[in-house]
Amino acid sequence: MSESYFERIRNVYNKLNSLFFKYENEVLGALMATLSRENYLLVGPPGTAKTTLVYALSKLLNAKWFYRQLTKFTDLEEILGPINIAKLLDGKVERIYANSIVESEFALLDEIFNASSAILNTLLSILNERVVYDGEKVVPVKTWTVFGASNRIPDEEELQALYDRFPLRVFTEWVSPDDTEP
C-alpha cells in the first residue's frame, strides 16, 4: 500500500479526534471497523455522538451512507427498499434496492435492538454474510461496515445472536464539562 493511503488514514483519524473531543476510543474503533470491514456497535446514553461520529466518518471517506432509526414499527421496506410496483403489475415481485442498506457503503442502524423480529432476522444475514435473502433471490450487500447504536446492552435471549454479530464494541459516556473547559 502506498504512503498516501496511510497518510489519508492518519488525516481522517486526526480530523475525527479534533471533532470528537475525548472520544479517542470511539474514533479508533470506528476506523478499525472500517479497515477490517467488521461490524461495530456503539453503546451509550443519548447525546454521546454515536450517530454523528459515523456520519462524519462516512463524509470524510466520501462513502455512501445509509441511516435508519429502528423501532418495532420500522418496516422491512425502509431497510431493503420498496417493492417495484411496475414489476408487480406484471406479476413479478422485485425490490428497488437504490438508497437502501444493500447499496450503501456505510450503514448506521440506530437503536438496533428495538427492531421487529422480521428486521432482526434479515439483519443476521446482512451482518454475518453480507447478503439478503429476498424471496428466492440471494442479493449481495455492498455495505463495507455496519454500525449499530444503542442506549443499552440487550439482555433478552432472542437478541444475543444479533449482539454477537458485532465483534467490535465500544461503550460511550458523556464528556464531563470539566474536561471540556480548557
Foldseek 3Di string as FASTA:
>chain_A
DDPVVVVLLVVLLVVLCVVQPPPNVVSVLVSVCLVVLAEEEEEAAPPQCQVVSLVSSCVSVVWFEAEDEAAQPDDPCNAQNAWDVVVVVVVDTDGDRPRHQQETQEYEYEQVVRYHPVVLVQVLCCLPPQWGCDPPDTRHRNHSYYYYYHHDDDPDPVCVSVVVSHPHYDYTYDDDPVSVPD
